[in-house]
Amino acid sequence: MRWMAVAAAFLAAAGSARAETCDRQAFEHCQACHALTKDAGQKPGPQLVAVIGRPVAGDPAFDYSPVLQEARAKGEVWTKDKLDLYLSDPQAVYAGTWMGSPPIRDAKQRADILCVLGGR
């Protein structure tokens, strides 16, 4: 029984260490168009506050492309996996999206961006 407590403490510590390793610089290029706080005001792209778990095209203050509006109408939601795919190639996931950023091919960079977005 004692080994279970030790294992649980080790896993919790490993999870905390992993959470601290997210590279916030990975999100810097995203900040030109996206804000992570509601008080940052509207930028050229939608707010990304609590984006994971939110409906696709879920920022009511942003005018989304028709393809993202259609995804919202279908009830699609941003999950960590869907965002990872989207960041790797936005046009492959939603052809016709207005996302101006080029695909992020580096998996570590995408993981860091997702970490910043709260999807560790």
N, C-alpha and C. Protein backbone atom coordinates (compact mmCIF):
# COMPACT_ATOMS: atom_id res chain seq x y z
N MET A 1 0.82 -1.19 0.00
CA MET A 1 0.00 0.00 0.00
C MET A 1 0.87 1.26 0.00
N ARG A 2 1.96 1.19 0.74
CA ARG A 2 2.86 2.34 0.81
C ARG A 2 3.45 2.65 -0.56
N TRP A 3 3.77 1.63 -1.36
CA TRP A 3 4.34 1.84 -2.68
C TRP A 3 3.38 2.60 -3.58
N MET A 4 2.05 2.40 -3.37
CA MET A 4 1.07 3.12 -4.17
C MET A 4 1.11 4.62 -3.86
N ALA A 5 1.29 4.96 -2.60
CA ALA A 5 1.38 6.36 -2.22
C ALA A 5 2.64 7.00 -2.80
N VAL A 6 3.73 6.26 -2.77
CA VAL A 6 4.98 6.77 -3.33
C VAL A 6 4.83 6.94 -4.84
N ALA A 7 4.23 5.96 -5.51
CA ALA A 7 4.04 6.04 -6.96
C ALA A 7 3.13 7.22 -7.31
N ALA A 8 2.07 7.42 -6.54
CA ALA A 8 1.16 8.54 -6.80
C ALA A 8 1.87 9.88 -6.63
N ALA A 9 2.70 9.98 -5.59
CA ALA A 9 3.45 11.22 -5.37
C ALA A 9 4.43 11.45 -6.51
N PHE A 10 5.09 10.39 -6.97
CA PHE A 10 6.03 10.51 -8.08
C PHE A 10 5.32 10.97 -9.35
N LEU A 11 4.18 10.38 -9.66
CA LEU A 11 3.43 10.76 -10.86
C LEU A 11 2.94 12.21 -10.76
N ALA A 12 2.51 12.62 -9.59
CA ALA A 12 2.07 14.00 -9.42
C ALA A 12 3.22 14.97 -9.63
N ALA A 13 4.38 14.63 -9.08
CA ALA A 13 5.56 15.48 -9.26
C ALA A 13 5.98 15.52 -10.72
N ALA A 14 5.92 14.39 -11.41
CA ALA A 14 6.27 14.35 -12.83
C ALA A 14 5.31 15.20 -13.64
N GLY A 15 4.04 15.16 -13.30
CA GLY A 15 3.05 15.98 -14.00
C GLY A 15 3.31 17.45 -13.78
N SER A 16 3.67 17.85 -12.56
CA SER A 16 3.98 19.24 -12.27
C SER A 16 5.22 19.70 -13.02
N ALA A 17 6.23 18.84 -13.06
CA ALA A 17 7.45 19.20 -13.78
C ALA A 17 7.16 19.36 -15.26
N ARG A 18 6.33 18.47 -15.80
CA ARG A 18 5.99 18.55 -17.22
C ARG A 18 5.23 19.85 -17.50
N ALA A 19 4.35 20.24 -16.59
CA ALA A 19 3.57 21.47 -16.78
C ALA A 19 4.47 22.70 -16.81
N GLU A 20 5.56 22.66 -16.05
CA GLU A 20 6.45 23.80 -15.99
C GLU A 20 7.38 23.88 -17.20
N THR A 21 7.46 22.84 -18.02
CA THR A 21 8.39 22.84 -19.12
C THR A 21 7.80 23.43 -20.40
N CYS A 22 6.61 23.94 -20.35
CA CYS A 22 6.04 24.49 -21.56
C CYS A 22 6.75 25.78 -21.92
N ASP A 23 7.15 25.86 -23.16
CA ASP A 23 7.93 26.99 -23.67
C ASP A 23 6.98 28.08 -24.15
N ARG A 24 6.81 29.09 -23.34
CA ARG A 24 5.87 30.17 -23.66
C ARG A 24 6.31 30.97 -24.89
N GLN A 25 7.59 30.91 -25.24
CA GLN A 25 8.06 31.61 -26.43
C GLN A 25 7.46 31.02 -27.70
N ALA A 26 7.02 29.77 -27.64
CA ALA A 26 6.42 29.14 -28.82
C ALA A 26 5.16 29.89 -29.26
N PHE A 27 4.50 30.55 -28.32
CA PHE A 27 3.26 31.26 -28.62
C PHE A 27 3.49 32.69 -29.10
N GLU A 28 4.72 33.18 -29.00
CA GLU A 28 4.98 34.59 -29.31
C GLU A 28 4.51 35.01 -30.70
N HIS A 29 4.76 34.20 -31.72
CA HIS A 29 4.33 34.60 -33.06
C HIS A 29 2.81 34.59 -33.19
N CYS A 30 2.14 33.83 -32.34
CA CYS A 30 0.67 33.77 -32.37
C CYS A 30 0.05 35.06 -31.81
N GLN A 31 0.79 35.73 -30.91
CA GLN A 31 0.26 36.92 -30.25
C GLN A 31 0.04 38.10 -31.18
N ALA A 32 0.59 38.05 -32.36
CA ALA A 32 0.33 39.13 -33.32
C ALA A 32 -1.16 39.16 -33.69
N CYS A 33 -1.79 38.00 -33.65
CA CYS A 33 -3.20 37.92 -34.06
C CYS A 33 -4.14 37.44 -32.95
N HIS A 34 -3.61 36.77 -31.93
CA HIS A 34 -4.46 36.15 -30.91
C HIS A 34 -4.10 36.61 -29.51
N ALA A 35 -5.12 36.80 -28.68
CA ALA A 35 -4.93 37.16 -27.27
C ALA A 35 -5.28 35.97 -26.38
N LEU A 36 -4.63 35.91 -25.24
CA LEU A 36 -4.89 34.84 -24.27
C LEU A 36 -5.67 35.32 -23.06
N THR A 37 -5.96 36.61 -23.01
CA THR A 37 -6.74 37.15 -21.90
C THR A 37 -7.87 38.01 -22.47
N LYS A 38 -8.98 38.00 -21.76
CA LYS A 38 -10.14 38.77 -22.24
C LYS A 38 -9.88 40.27 -22.22
N ASP A 39 -9.03 40.72 -21.33
CA ASP A 39 -8.77 42.16 -21.23
C ASP A 39 -7.77 42.67 -22.27
N ALA A 40 -7.27 41.78 -23.12
CA ALA A 40 -6.31 42.18 -24.16
C ALA A 40 -6.98 42.85 -25.34
N GLY A 41 -8.29 42.82 -25.38
CA GLY A 41 -9.01 43.43 -26.50
C GLY A 41 -9.01 42.52 -27.72
N GLN A 42 -9.69 42.97 -28.75
CA GLN A 42 -9.80 42.18 -29.97
C GLN A 42 -8.58 42.41 -30.85
N LYS A 43 -8.06 41.34 -31.38
CA LYS A 43 -6.92 41.38 -32.30
C LYS A 43 -7.41 40.89 -33.66
N PRO A 44 -6.53 40.80 -34.66
CA PRO A 44 -6.98 40.35 -35.98
C PRO A 44 -7.57 38.93 -36.00
N GLY A 45 -7.15 38.10 -35.06
CA GLY A 45 -7.68 36.74 -34.95
C GLY A 45 -8.55 36.61 -33.72
N PRO A 46 -9.22 35.48 -33.57
CA PRO A 46 -10.10 35.30 -32.41
C PRO A 46 -9.33 35.19 -31.09
N GLN A 47 -10.01 35.52 -30.01
CA GLN A 47 -9.47 35.32 -28.66
C GLN A 47 -9.28 33.82 -28.45
N LEU A 48 -8.23 33.45 -27.75
CA LEU A 48 -7.97 32.03 -27.48
C LEU A 48 -8.13 31.69 -26.01
N VAL A 49 -8.79 32.54 -25.26
CA VAL A 49 -9.07 32.26 -23.86
C VAL A 49 -9.95 31.01 -23.79
N ALA A 50 -9.49 30.00 -23.08
CA ALA A 50 -10.24 28.75 -22.88
C ALA A 50 -10.68 28.13 -24.21
N VAL A 51 -9.80 28.14 -25.20
CA VAL A 51 -10.17 27.61 -26.52
C VAL A 51 -10.36 26.10 -26.51
N ILE A 52 -9.59 25.39 -25.72
CA ILE A 52 -9.74 23.94 -25.67
C ILE A 52 -11.03 23.60 -24.93
N GLY A 53 -11.91 22.90 -25.61
CA GLY A 53 -13.22 22.57 -25.07
C GLY A 53 -14.31 23.51 -25.55
N ARG A 54 -13.93 24.54 -26.25
CA ARG A 54 -14.89 25.53 -26.74
C ARG A 54 -15.31 25.15 -28.16
N PRO A 55 -16.51 25.55 -28.58
CA PRO A 55 -16.93 25.28 -29.95
C PRO A 55 -15.98 25.92 -30.97
N VAL A 56 -15.78 25.25 -32.09
CA VAL A 56 -15.04 25.84 -33.20
C VAL A 56 -15.79 27.11 -33.59
N ALA A 57 -15.05 28.17 -33.91
CA ALA A 57 -15.64 29.47 -34.24
C ALA A 57 -16.47 29.99 -33.06
N GLY A 58 -15.92 29.85 -31.85
CA GLY A 58 -16.65 30.17 -30.64
C GLY A 58 -16.43 31.53 -30.03
N ASP A 59 -15.63 32.39 -30.65
CA ASP A 59 -15.45 33.75 -30.14
C ASP A 59 -16.52 34.62 -30.78
N PRO A 60 -17.53 35.04 -30.03
CA PRO A 60 -18.63 35.80 -30.62
C PRO A 60 -18.22 37.14 -31.22
N ALA A 61 -17.05 37.65 -30.84
CA ALA A 61 -16.61 38.95 -31.36
C ALA A 61 -15.83 38.83 -32.66
N PHE A 62 -15.64 37.61 -33.16
CA PHE A 62 -14.82 37.42 -34.36
C PHE A 62 -15.66 36.94 -35.53
N ASP A 63 -15.35 37.44 -36.72
CA ASP A 63 -16.04 37.06 -37.95
C ASP A 63 -15.24 35.92 -38.61
N TYR A 64 -15.69 34.69 -38.41
CA TYR A 64 -14.99 33.51 -38.90
C TYR A 64 -15.26 33.22 -40.37
N SER A 65 -14.36 32.46 -40.97
CA SER A 65 -14.54 32.00 -42.34
C SER A 65 -15.77 31.09 -42.40
N PRO A 66 -16.39 31.01 -43.57
CA PRO A 66 -17.57 30.14 -43.71
C PRO A 66 -17.31 28.69 -43.30
N VAL A 67 -16.12 28.16 -43.59
CA VAL A 67 -15.84 26.77 -43.24
C VAL A 67 -15.83 26.58 -41.72
N LEU A 68 -15.32 27.55 -40.97
CA LEU A 68 -15.35 27.43 -39.51
C LEU A 68 -16.75 27.67 -38.96
N GLN A 69 -17.51 28.56 -39.59
CA GLN A 69 -18.90 28.75 -39.17
C GLN A 69 -19.70 27.47 -39.38
N GLU A 70 -19.42 26.77 -40.48
CA GLU A 70 -20.09 25.50 -40.75
C GLU A 70 -19.71 24.45 -39.70
N ALA A 71 -18.45 24.43 -39.30
CA ALA A 71 -18.00 23.48 -38.26
C ALA A 71 -18.73 23.77 -36.95
N ARG A 72 -18.89 25.04 -36.62
CA ARG A 72 -19.62 25.41 -35.40
C ARG A 72 -21.07 24.94 -35.50
N ALA A 73 -21.69 25.15 -36.66
CA ALA A 73 -23.08 24.73 -36.85
C ALA A 73 -23.25 23.22 -36.69
N LYS A 74 -22.20 22.47 -37.02
CA LYS A 74 -22.22 21.01 -36.87
C LYS A 74 -21.95 20.57 -35.43
N GLY A 75 -21.59 21.53 -34.57
CA GLY A 75 -21.33 21.21 -33.17
C GLY A 75 -19.89 20.79 -32.87
N GLU A 76 -18.97 21.09 -33.79
CA GLU A 76 -17.58 20.71 -33.56
C GLU A 76 -16.96 21.55 -32.45
N VAL A 77 -16.07 20.91 -31.70
CA VAL A 77 -15.42 21.52 -30.54
C VAL A 77 -13.91 21.40 -30.69
N TRP A 78 -13.18 22.42 -30.21
CA TRP A 78 -11.73 22.37 -30.22
C TRP A 78 -11.25 21.45 -29.11
N THR A 79 -10.62 20.37 -29.49
CA THR A 79 -9.94 19.50 -28.54
C THR A 79 -8.45 19.70 -28.73
N LYS A 80 -7.67 19.18 -27.82
CA LYS A 80 -6.21 19.28 -27.95
C LYS A 80 -5.77 18.63 -29.26
N ASP A 81 -6.31 17.44 -29.55
CA ASP A 81 -5.92 16.73 -30.77
C ASP A 81 -6.33 17.48 -32.03
N LYS A 82 -7.54 18.05 -32.02
CA LYS A 82 -8.00 18.79 -33.20
C LYS A 82 -7.16 20.04 -33.41
N LEU A 83 -6.83 20.73 -32.33
CA LEU A 83 -5.97 21.91 -32.45
C LEU A 83 -4.58 21.54 -32.93
N ASP A 84 -4.06 20.41 -32.47
CA ASP A 84 -2.74 19.95 -32.91
C ASP A 84 -2.76 19.72 -34.42
N LEU A 85 -3.78 19.04 -34.91
CA LEU A 85 -3.90 18.81 -36.35
C LEU A 85 -4.05 20.12 -37.10
N TYR A 86 -4.89 21.01 -36.58
CA TYR A 86 -5.13 22.30 -37.22
C TYR A 86 -3.85 23.13 -37.32
N LEU A 87 -3.11 23.18 -36.23
CA LEU A 87 -1.87 23.95 -36.25
C LEU A 87 -0.84 23.34 -37.21
N SER A 88 -0.87 22.02 -37.36
CA SER A 88 0.09 21.37 -38.26
C SER A 88 -0.23 21.65 -39.72
N ASP A 89 -1.50 21.89 -40.04
CA ASP A 89 -1.89 22.22 -41.42
C ASP A 89 -3.34 22.71 -41.44
N PRO A 90 -3.56 24.00 -41.17
CA PRO A 90 -4.93 24.53 -41.09
C PRO A 90 -5.79 24.21 -42.31
N GLN A 91 -5.22 24.32 -43.51
CA GLN A 91 -6.00 24.09 -44.72
C GLN A 91 -6.40 22.62 -44.90
N ALA A 92 -5.59 21.71 -44.39
CA ALA A 92 -5.94 20.29 -44.48
C ALA A 92 -7.11 19.95 -43.58
N VAL A 93 -7.21 20.64 -42.45
CA VAL A 93 -8.30 20.37 -41.50
C VAL A 93 -9.57 21.11 -41.91
N TYR A 94 -9.43 22.39 -42.24
CA TYR A 94 -10.56 23.21 -42.65
C TYR A 94 -10.17 23.99 -43.91
N ALA A 95 -10.35 23.36 -45.06
CA ALA A 95 -10.01 24.01 -46.34
C ALA A 95 -10.84 25.28 -46.49
N GLY A 96 -10.15 26.39 -46.70
CA GLY A 96 -10.83 27.67 -46.84
C GLY A 96 -10.77 28.52 -45.59
N THR A 97 -10.12 28.01 -44.54
CA THR A 97 -9.99 28.81 -43.33
C THR A 97 -9.17 30.06 -43.63
N TRP A 98 -9.38 31.11 -42.84
CA TRP A 98 -8.67 32.35 -43.06
C TRP A 98 -7.40 32.46 -42.22
N MET A 99 -7.02 31.40 -41.55
CA MET A 99 -5.81 31.42 -40.72
C MET A 99 -4.62 31.80 -41.59
N GLY A 100 -3.95 32.90 -41.27
CA GLY A 100 -2.87 33.39 -42.10
C GLY A 100 -1.51 32.81 -41.79
N SER A 101 -1.40 32.11 -40.69
CA SER A 101 -0.11 31.55 -40.28
C SER A 101 0.20 30.30 -41.11
N PRO A 102 1.47 30.11 -41.44
CA PRO A 102 1.82 28.88 -42.15
C PRO A 102 1.71 27.68 -41.21
N PRO A 103 1.61 26.48 -41.76
CA PRO A 103 1.55 25.28 -40.92
C PRO A 103 2.75 25.21 -39.97
N ILE A 104 2.51 24.72 -38.78
CA ILE A 104 3.57 24.52 -37.80
C ILE A 104 3.91 23.03 -37.83
N ARG A 105 4.96 22.69 -38.52
CA ARG A 105 5.33 21.28 -38.72
C ARG A 105 6.03 20.67 -37.51
N ASP A 106 6.67 21.50 -36.69
CA ASP A 106 7.44 21.00 -35.56
C ASP A 106 6.50 20.58 -34.41
N ALA A 107 6.49 19.29 -34.09
CA ALA A 107 5.58 18.76 -33.07
C ALA A 107 5.86 19.36 -31.69
N LYS A 108 7.11 19.61 -31.36
CA LYS A 108 7.45 20.19 -30.05
C LYS A 108 6.91 21.61 -29.96
N GLN A 109 7.02 22.38 -31.02
CA GLN A 109 6.48 23.75 -31.01
C GLN A 109 4.96 23.72 -30.83
N ARG A 110 4.29 22.81 -31.55
CA ARG A 110 2.83 22.70 -31.38
C ARG A 110 2.48 22.28 -29.97
N ALA A 111 3.24 21.35 -29.40
CA ALA A 111 2.98 20.90 -28.03
C ALA A 111 3.14 22.06 -27.05
N ASP A 112 4.15 22.89 -27.26
CA ASP A 112 4.34 24.04 -26.39
C ASP A 112 3.21 25.05 -26.54
N ILE A 113 2.75 25.26 -27.76
CA ILE A 113 1.62 26.17 -27.98
C ILE A 113 0.38 25.62 -27.28
N LEU A 114 0.12 24.33 -27.41
CA LEU A 114 -1.02 23.72 -26.75
C LEU A 114 -0.88 23.79 -25.23
N CYS A 115 0.33 23.67 -24.75
CA CYS A 115 0.59 23.81 -23.31
C CYS A 115 0.20 25.21 -22.86
N VAL A 116 0.61 26.23 -23.61
CA VAL A 116 0.27 27.61 -23.28
C VAL A 116 -1.25 27.81 -23.31
N LEU A 117 -1.90 27.15 -24.24
CA LEU A 117 -3.35 27.27 -24.37
C LEU A 117 -4.10 26.50 -23.28
N GLY A 118 -3.37 25.73 -22.50
CA GLY A 118 -3.99 25.02 -21.38
C GLY A 118 -4.29 23.57 -21.67
N GLY A 119 -3.75 23.04 -22.74
CA GLY A 119 -4.04 21.65 -23.10
C GLY A 119 -2.85 20.73 -22.91
N ARG A 120 -2.24 20.79 -21.76
CA ARG A 120 -1.05 19.98 -21.49
C ARG A 120 -1.27 18.54 -21.78
